[in-house]
Amino acid sequence: MEPLDIVIPAAGRGPDLLRLLHSLHEACAGSLRQQVASITVTDDRHTAALGEQIALRFPQVRYVAGPARGPAANRNHGARQGAAPWLLFLDDDCYVESDLLKAYLQQHARSPQATVLEGAIHAVGPRPNGNHHAPLNLQGGCLWSCNLLLQRGLFESLGGFDERFPFACMEDVDLRERLRAAGANIVFASEAQVLHPWRSVSERELSRQIISHAIYAQKHAAFTRDWTPLHAARMARSRLRLYAGGGFTTIPWVKYRTVLYDLAAPFALLAVTRWPALRRRIDGRYRQAAPAVPARP
């Protein structure tokens, strides 16, 4: 495999970011020297203090200010900082316990025709309760952007991540669908693993998910046909079972309003995807109109 650039979008999670960088340098020391052309951290909440820490502990890491227009724009900004033939996207709240780069190299040797290698994502420990989520990817088919390796030329030919998505939701699903439409050869690298902590879901995050789905539905017409009342009911039932299985008593009382919001969210998603006027209104209000990543000549 040709050299790769590692791109890590950040948004003020300094301790998490330092943990990731430390884990990469501990678990992937040899692979970093042999395979990585650059490591770029692009921080939408850039601070001089964190920059000093990174410069002291990880002098080979490039720490730059992000555009502060959401994770899609931040990843594109980080990708533009390098020129290696491959791009590896990692999220700042993940970390590794084994040689991620070596696993990718081994998978590429087995699948040299692949233009996209999708890494595995495991949760850190058991789920605390039903209010905690993590972007798990144990069998492939997700292409979550917190562990994704792909050819730079392919990425740039598609314009990178669509910067019209302002939040951390659906921008990687959109990229996945565009990669599939372009005929990308996607291979799941099950041994290329990152660990992701469970996160307690907030009402703000749920609202952003609904907004992101409206933007996605406005862009992908087929999604509006697929999201039916039966689909919403099944999703709500699945979430209810998740909460029940995790034990309602393990959830703090202050989170119960969020639980109700979470259970109602599938029907809110149904509304924004099935009602064109509502979908257009949300899309027009929140969707960003920033330029995509230009393709190299």
Protein backbone atom coordinates (compact mmCIF):
# COMPACT_ATOMS: atom_id res chain seq x y z
CA MET A 1 0.00 0.00 0.00
CA GLU A 2 1.13 3.53 -0.75
CA PRO A 3 1.61 6.07 2.09
CA LEU A 4 -1.38 7.49 3.90
CA ASP A 5 -2.37 10.67 5.72
CA ILE A 6 -4.23 10.36 9.03
CA VAL A 7 -6.93 12.99 9.52
CA ILE A 8 -8.43 13.52 12.98
CA PRO A 9 -11.24 16.09 13.27
CA ALA A 10 -11.55 17.47 16.79
CA ALA A 11 -13.94 19.75 18.62
CA GLY A 12 -12.52 20.62 22.03
CA ARG A 13 -12.14 17.11 23.48
CA GLY A 14 -8.53 17.56 24.49
CA PRO A 15 -8.12 14.58 26.86
CA ASP A 16 -9.79 12.22 24.37
CA LEU A 17 -7.60 13.49 21.54
CA LEU A 18 -4.41 13.05 23.57
CA ARG A 19 -5.49 9.51 24.46
CA LEU A 20 -5.94 8.68 20.77
CA LEU A 21 -2.57 10.12 19.78
CA HIS A 22 -0.87 8.29 22.64
CA SER A 23 -2.52 5.00 21.69
CA LEU A 24 -1.47 5.37 18.05
CA HIS A 25 2.12 6.01 19.01
CA GLU A 26 2.13 3.12 21.47
CA ALA A 27 0.30 0.46 19.44
CA CYS A 28 1.34 1.48 15.91
CA ALA A 29 4.88 2.80 16.43
CA GLY A 30 6.55 0.83 13.62
CA SER A 31 3.67 1.25 11.19
CA LEU A 32 3.54 5.00 11.79
CA ARG A 33 7.17 5.37 10.72
CA GLN A 34 6.83 3.15 7.67
CA GLN A 35 3.40 3.99 6.31
CA VAL A 36 2.19 7.39 7.49
CA ALA A 37 3.07 10.54 5.57
CA SER A 38 1.34 12.91 7.98
CA ILE A 39 -1.00 13.14 10.94
CA THR A 40 -3.28 16.17 10.97
CA VAL A 41 -5.52 17.19 13.84
CA THR A 42 -7.97 19.86 12.70
CA ASP A 43 -9.72 21.32 15.74
CA ASP A 44 -12.90 23.35 15.44
CA ARG A 45 -12.19 24.63 18.98
CA HIS A 46 -8.50 25.23 18.45
CA THR A 47 -6.55 26.43 21.50
CA ALA A 48 -2.93 27.43 21.89
CA ALA A 49 -2.70 25.42 25.12
CA LEU A 50 -3.66 22.15 23.45
CA GLY A 51 -1.38 22.96 20.54
CA GLU A 52 1.52 23.32 22.96
CA GLN A 53 0.76 19.96 24.56
CA ILE A 54 0.62 18.22 21.20
CA ALA A 55 3.83 19.90 20.01
CA LEU A 56 5.60 18.77 23.18
CA ARG A 57 4.34 15.18 23.26
CA PHE A 58 3.76 14.47 19.55
CA PRO A 59 5.98 16.85 17.55
CA GLN A 60 5.26 15.08 14.25
CA VAL A 61 1.51 15.81 14.52
CA ARG A 62 0.19 18.83 12.63
CA TYR A 63 -2.35 20.72 14.77
CA VAL A 64 -4.43 23.27 12.84
CA ALA A 65 -7.57 25.31 13.42
CA GLY A 66 -10.67 23.85 11.82
CA PRO A 67 -13.25 25.84 9.84
CA ALA A 68 -15.85 25.50 12.65
CA ARG A 69 -18.62 24.47 10.25
CA GLY A 70 -19.23 20.93 11.46
CA PRO A 71 -17.38 17.60 11.17
CA ALA A 72 -17.88 17.19 7.41
CA ALA A 73 -16.14 20.50 6.67
CA ASN A 74 -13.55 19.74 9.34
CA ARG A 75 -12.60 16.39 7.77
CA ASN A 76 -12.33 17.96 4.33
CA HIS A 77 -10.14 20.69 5.78
CA GLY A 78 -7.87 18.09 7.35
CA ALA A 79 -7.68 16.10 4.11
CA ARG A 80 -6.48 19.19 2.25
CA GLN A 81 -3.46 19.47 4.56
CA GLY A 82 -1.77 16.40 3.04
CA ALA A 83 -1.16 14.77 -0.32
CA ALA A 84 -0.65 11.04 0.36
CA PRO A 85 -2.49 8.58 -1.94
CA TRP A 86 -4.59 7.21 0.95
CA LEU A 87 -6.64 8.93 3.68
CA LEU A 88 -7.39 7.43 7.08
CA PHE A 89 -10.13 9.19 9.04
CA LEU A 90 -10.27 8.66 12.81
CA ASP A 91 -12.40 10.46 15.38
CA ASP A 92 -10.83 12.14 18.38
CA ASP A 93 -12.83 10.15 20.95
CA CYS A 94 -11.67 6.76 19.64
CA TYR A 95 -8.43 4.98 20.51
CA VAL A 96 -6.60 1.78 19.61
CA GLU A 97 -5.15 -1.11 21.57
CA SER A 98 -3.60 -3.00 18.63
CA ASP A 99 -1.73 -1.99 15.50
CA LEU A 100 -4.51 -0.48 13.43
CA LEU A 101 -2.23 0.40 10.52
CA LYS A 102 -0.71 -3.07 10.30
CA ALA A 103 -4.20 -4.58 10.20
CA TYR A 104 -5.15 -2.27 7.34
CA LEU A 105 -1.95 -3.15 5.46
CA GLN A 106 -2.62 -6.86 5.86
CA GLN A 107 -6.20 -6.48 4.64
CA HIS A 108 -5.02 -4.47 1.66
CA ALA A 109 -2.53 -7.21 0.80
CA ARG A 110 -5.43 -9.70 0.80
CA SER A 111 -7.71 -7.30 -1.13
CA PRO A 112 -5.46 -5.22 -3.40
CA GLN A 113 -8.40 -4.22 -5.57
CA ALA A 114 -10.10 -2.39 -2.69
CA THR A 115 -10.44 1.37 -2.98
CA VAL A 116 -12.15 1.70 0.42
CA LEU A 117 -11.23 -0.21 3.57
CA GLU A 118 -13.80 -0.01 6.33
CA GLY A 119 -12.45 -0.56 9.84
CA ALA A 120 -14.24 -2.16 12.78
CA ILE A 121 -15.58 -0.16 15.73
CA HIS A 122 -16.01 -1.76 19.15
CA ALA A 123 -17.50 -0.22 22.25
CA VAL A 124 -15.49 0.26 25.42
CA GLY A 125 -17.00 -2.13 27.95
CA PRO A 126 -20.68 -3.00 28.37
CA ARG A 127 -23.44 -0.50 27.63
CA PRO A 128 -24.19 1.41 30.87
CA ASN A 129 -27.91 1.65 30.03
CA GLY A 130 -30.28 2.17 27.13
CA ASN A 131 -29.57 5.90 27.04
CA HIS A 132 -26.00 5.26 25.88
CA HIS A 133 -25.12 4.85 22.21
CA ALA A 134 -21.94 4.13 20.26
CA PRO A 135 -21.32 3.82 16.49
CA LEU A 136 -20.66 0.08 16.50
CA ASN A 137 -19.42 -1.58 13.32
CA LEU A 138 -18.70 -5.26 13.84
CA GLN A 139 -19.63 -6.77 10.47
CA GLY A 140 -19.15 -3.98 7.94
CA GLY A 141 -21.53 -2.16 5.66
CA CYS A 142 -21.64 1.03 7.76
CA LEU A 143 -18.62 3.07 6.63
CA TRP A 144 -18.71 5.13 9.80
CA SER A 145 -16.17 7.91 9.42
CA CYS A 146 -14.48 7.38 12.79
CA ASN A 147 -12.45 4.52 11.25
CA LEU A 148 -12.32 4.70 7.48
CA LEU A 149 -9.46 4.34 4.98
CA LEU A 150 -9.93 5.24 1.32
CA GLN A 151 -8.03 6.36 -1.74
CA ARG A 152 -7.53 10.10 -1.88
CA GLY A 153 -8.29 10.26 -5.60
CA LEU A 154 -11.66 8.60 -5.09
CA PHE A 155 -12.46 10.81 -2.12
CA GLU A 156 -11.63 13.99 -4.00
CA SER A 157 -13.45 12.88 -7.15
CA LEU A 158 -16.65 12.76 -5.08
CA GLY A 159 -16.00 16.15 -3.50
CA GLY A 160 -15.22 14.69 -0.08
CA PHE A 161 -17.80 14.88 2.67
CA ASP A 162 -20.81 17.02 1.83
CA GLU A 163 -20.31 20.17 3.89
CA ARG A 164 -24.00 20.98 3.73
CA PHE A 165 -24.39 18.64 6.72
CA PRO A 166 -23.73 20.85 9.77
CA PHE A 167 -23.73 18.15 12.46
CA ALA A 168 -22.14 14.78 13.20
CA CYS A 169 -24.91 12.69 11.68
CA MET A 170 -25.67 11.34 8.20
CA GLU A 171 -22.67 13.00 6.53
CA ASP A 172 -20.87 9.65 6.50
CA VAL A 173 -24.03 7.82 5.37
CA ASP A 174 -24.23 10.27 2.49
CA LEU A 175 -20.59 9.57 1.59
CA ARG A 176 -21.26 5.82 1.79
CA GLU A 177 -24.10 6.06 -0.70
CA ARG A 178 -22.05 8.21 -3.08
CA LEU A 179 -19.14 5.74 -2.86
CA ARG A 180 -21.46 2.86 -3.70
CA ALA A 181 -23.00 4.77 -6.59
CA ALA A 182 -19.50 5.45 -7.92
CA GLY A 183 -18.73 1.73 -7.92
CA ALA A 184 -16.11 1.87 -5.16
CA ASN A 185 -14.65 -1.49 -4.17
CA ILE A 186 -15.38 -1.57 -0.43
CA VAL A 187 -13.83 -4.21 1.84
CA PHE A 188 -14.40 -4.66 5.57
CA ALA A 189 -11.15 -4.89 7.56
CA SER A 190 -12.37 -6.65 10.70
CA GLU A 191 -8.95 -6.63 12.39
CA ALA A 192 -8.46 -2.89 11.91
CA GLN A 193 -10.19 -1.99 15.15
CA VAL A 194 -10.79 1.16 17.13
CA LEU A 195 -12.51 1.45 20.49
CA HIS A 196 -15.29 3.97 21.00
CA PRO A 197 -16.77 4.93 24.39
CA TRP A 198 -20.48 4.83 25.08
CA ARG A 199 -22.03 8.31 25.09
CA SER A 200 -25.17 9.35 26.92
CA VAL A 201 -27.64 10.70 24.36
CA SER A 202 -28.84 14.27 24.85
CA GLU A 203 -31.92 16.08 23.59
CA ARG A 204 -29.65 18.42 21.65
CA GLU A 205 -28.04 15.47 19.88
CA LEU A 206 -31.41 13.94 19.06
CA SER A 207 -32.59 17.25 17.58
CA ARG A 208 -29.47 17.41 15.45
CA GLN A 209 -30.11 13.87 14.24
CA ILE A 210 -33.59 14.86 13.11
CA ILE A 211 -32.23 17.92 11.29
CA SER A 212 -29.51 15.82 9.62
CA HIS A 213 -32.07 13.25 8.47
CA ALA A 214 -34.15 16.03 6.91
CA ILE A 215 -31.12 17.26 4.97
CA TYR A 216 -30.29 13.71 3.89
CA ALA A 217 -33.89 13.03 2.83
CA GLN A 218 -33.96 16.23 0.79
CA LYS A 219 -30.85 15.05 -1.04
CA HIS A 220 -31.72 11.33 -1.37
CA ALA A 221 -35.29 10.89 -2.60
CA ALA A 222 -35.25 7.11 -2.14
CA PHE A 223 -34.84 7.56 1.60
CA THR A 224 -38.24 9.27 1.85
CA ARG A 225 -39.88 6.19 0.33
CA ASP A 226 -38.02 3.75 2.56
CA TRP A 227 -38.86 5.49 5.83
CA THR A 228 -42.43 4.31 6.45
CA PRO A 229 -44.69 4.41 9.54
CA LEU A 230 -43.97 0.71 10.04
CA HIS A 231 -40.25 1.44 9.95
CA ALA A 232 -40.67 4.19 12.56
CA ALA A 233 -42.78 1.94 14.80
CA ARG A 234 -40.22 -0.86 14.63
CA MET A 235 -37.42 1.56 15.46
CA ALA A 236 -39.35 2.94 18.45
CA ARG A 237 -40.05 -0.59 19.66
CA SER A 238 -36.38 -1.49 19.28
CA ARG A 239 -35.36 1.53 21.34
CA LEU A 240 -37.93 0.68 24.01
CA ARG A 241 -36.52 -2.83 24.26
CA LEU A 242 -33.04 -1.38 24.50
CA TYR A 243 -34.05 0.80 27.43
CA ALA A 244 -35.90 -2.05 29.10
CA GLY A 245 -33.00 -4.44 28.61
CA GLY A 246 -30.56 -1.97 30.11
CA GLY A 247 -32.84 -1.33 33.05
CA PHE A 248 -34.83 1.86 33.43
CA THR A 249 -33.68 2.16 37.04
CA THR A 250 -30.08 2.64 35.88
CA ILE A 251 -31.03 5.89 34.13
CA PRO A 252 -30.94 9.08 36.25
CA TRP A 253 -34.28 10.80 36.69
CA VAL A 254 -32.93 13.93 35.00
CA LYS A 255 -32.54 11.91 31.79
CA TYR A 256 -36.10 10.62 31.59
CA ARG A 257 -37.27 13.52 29.46
CA THR A 258 -34.48 12.61 27.04
CA VAL A 259 -35.66 8.99 27.10
CA LEU A 260 -39.17 10.07 26.06
CA TYR A 261 -37.70 12.26 23.35
CA ASP A 262 -35.59 9.34 22.15
CA LEU A 263 -38.64 7.08 21.92
CA ALA A 264 -40.54 9.74 19.98
CA ALA A 265 -37.60 10.52 17.67
CA PRO A 266 -38.46 7.81 15.06
CA PHE A 267 -41.81 9.48 14.46
CA ALA A 268 -40.19 12.92 14.25
CA LEU A 269 -37.84 11.43 11.65
CA LEU A 270 -40.88 10.09 9.83
CA ALA A 271 -42.40 13.58 9.75
CA VAL A 272 -39.32 15.34 8.40
CA THR A 273 -38.68 12.70 5.77
CA ARG A 274 -42.24 12.22 4.54
CA TRP A 275 -43.54 15.82 4.55
CA PRO A 276 -41.84 17.71 1.71
CA ALA A 277 -42.70 21.19 3.02
CA LEU A 278 -41.28 20.46 6.48
CA ARG A 279 -38.25 18.77 4.99
CA ARG A 280 -37.53 21.72 2.70
CA ARG A 281 -37.96 24.21 5.54
CA ILE A 282 -35.50 22.41 7.82
CA ASP A 283 -33.10 21.79 4.96
CA GLY A 284 -33.16 25.44 3.94
CA ARG A 285 -32.64 26.68 7.47
CA TYR A 286 -29.81 24.44 8.58
CA ARG A 287 -28.06 23.14 5.51
CA GLN A 288 -24.70 24.73 4.86
CA ALA A 289 -23.66 25.87 1.41
CA ALA A 290 -19.90 25.48 1.63
CA PRO A 291 -17.65 24.33 -1.21
CA ALA A 292 -16.64 20.68 -1.31
CA VAL A 293 -13.11 19.34 -1.61
CA PRO A 294 -11.81 20.21 -5.07
CA ALA A 295 -10.35 17.37 -7.09
CA ARG A 296 -6.65 17.56 -7.82
CA PRO A 297 -5.67 18.11 -11.45
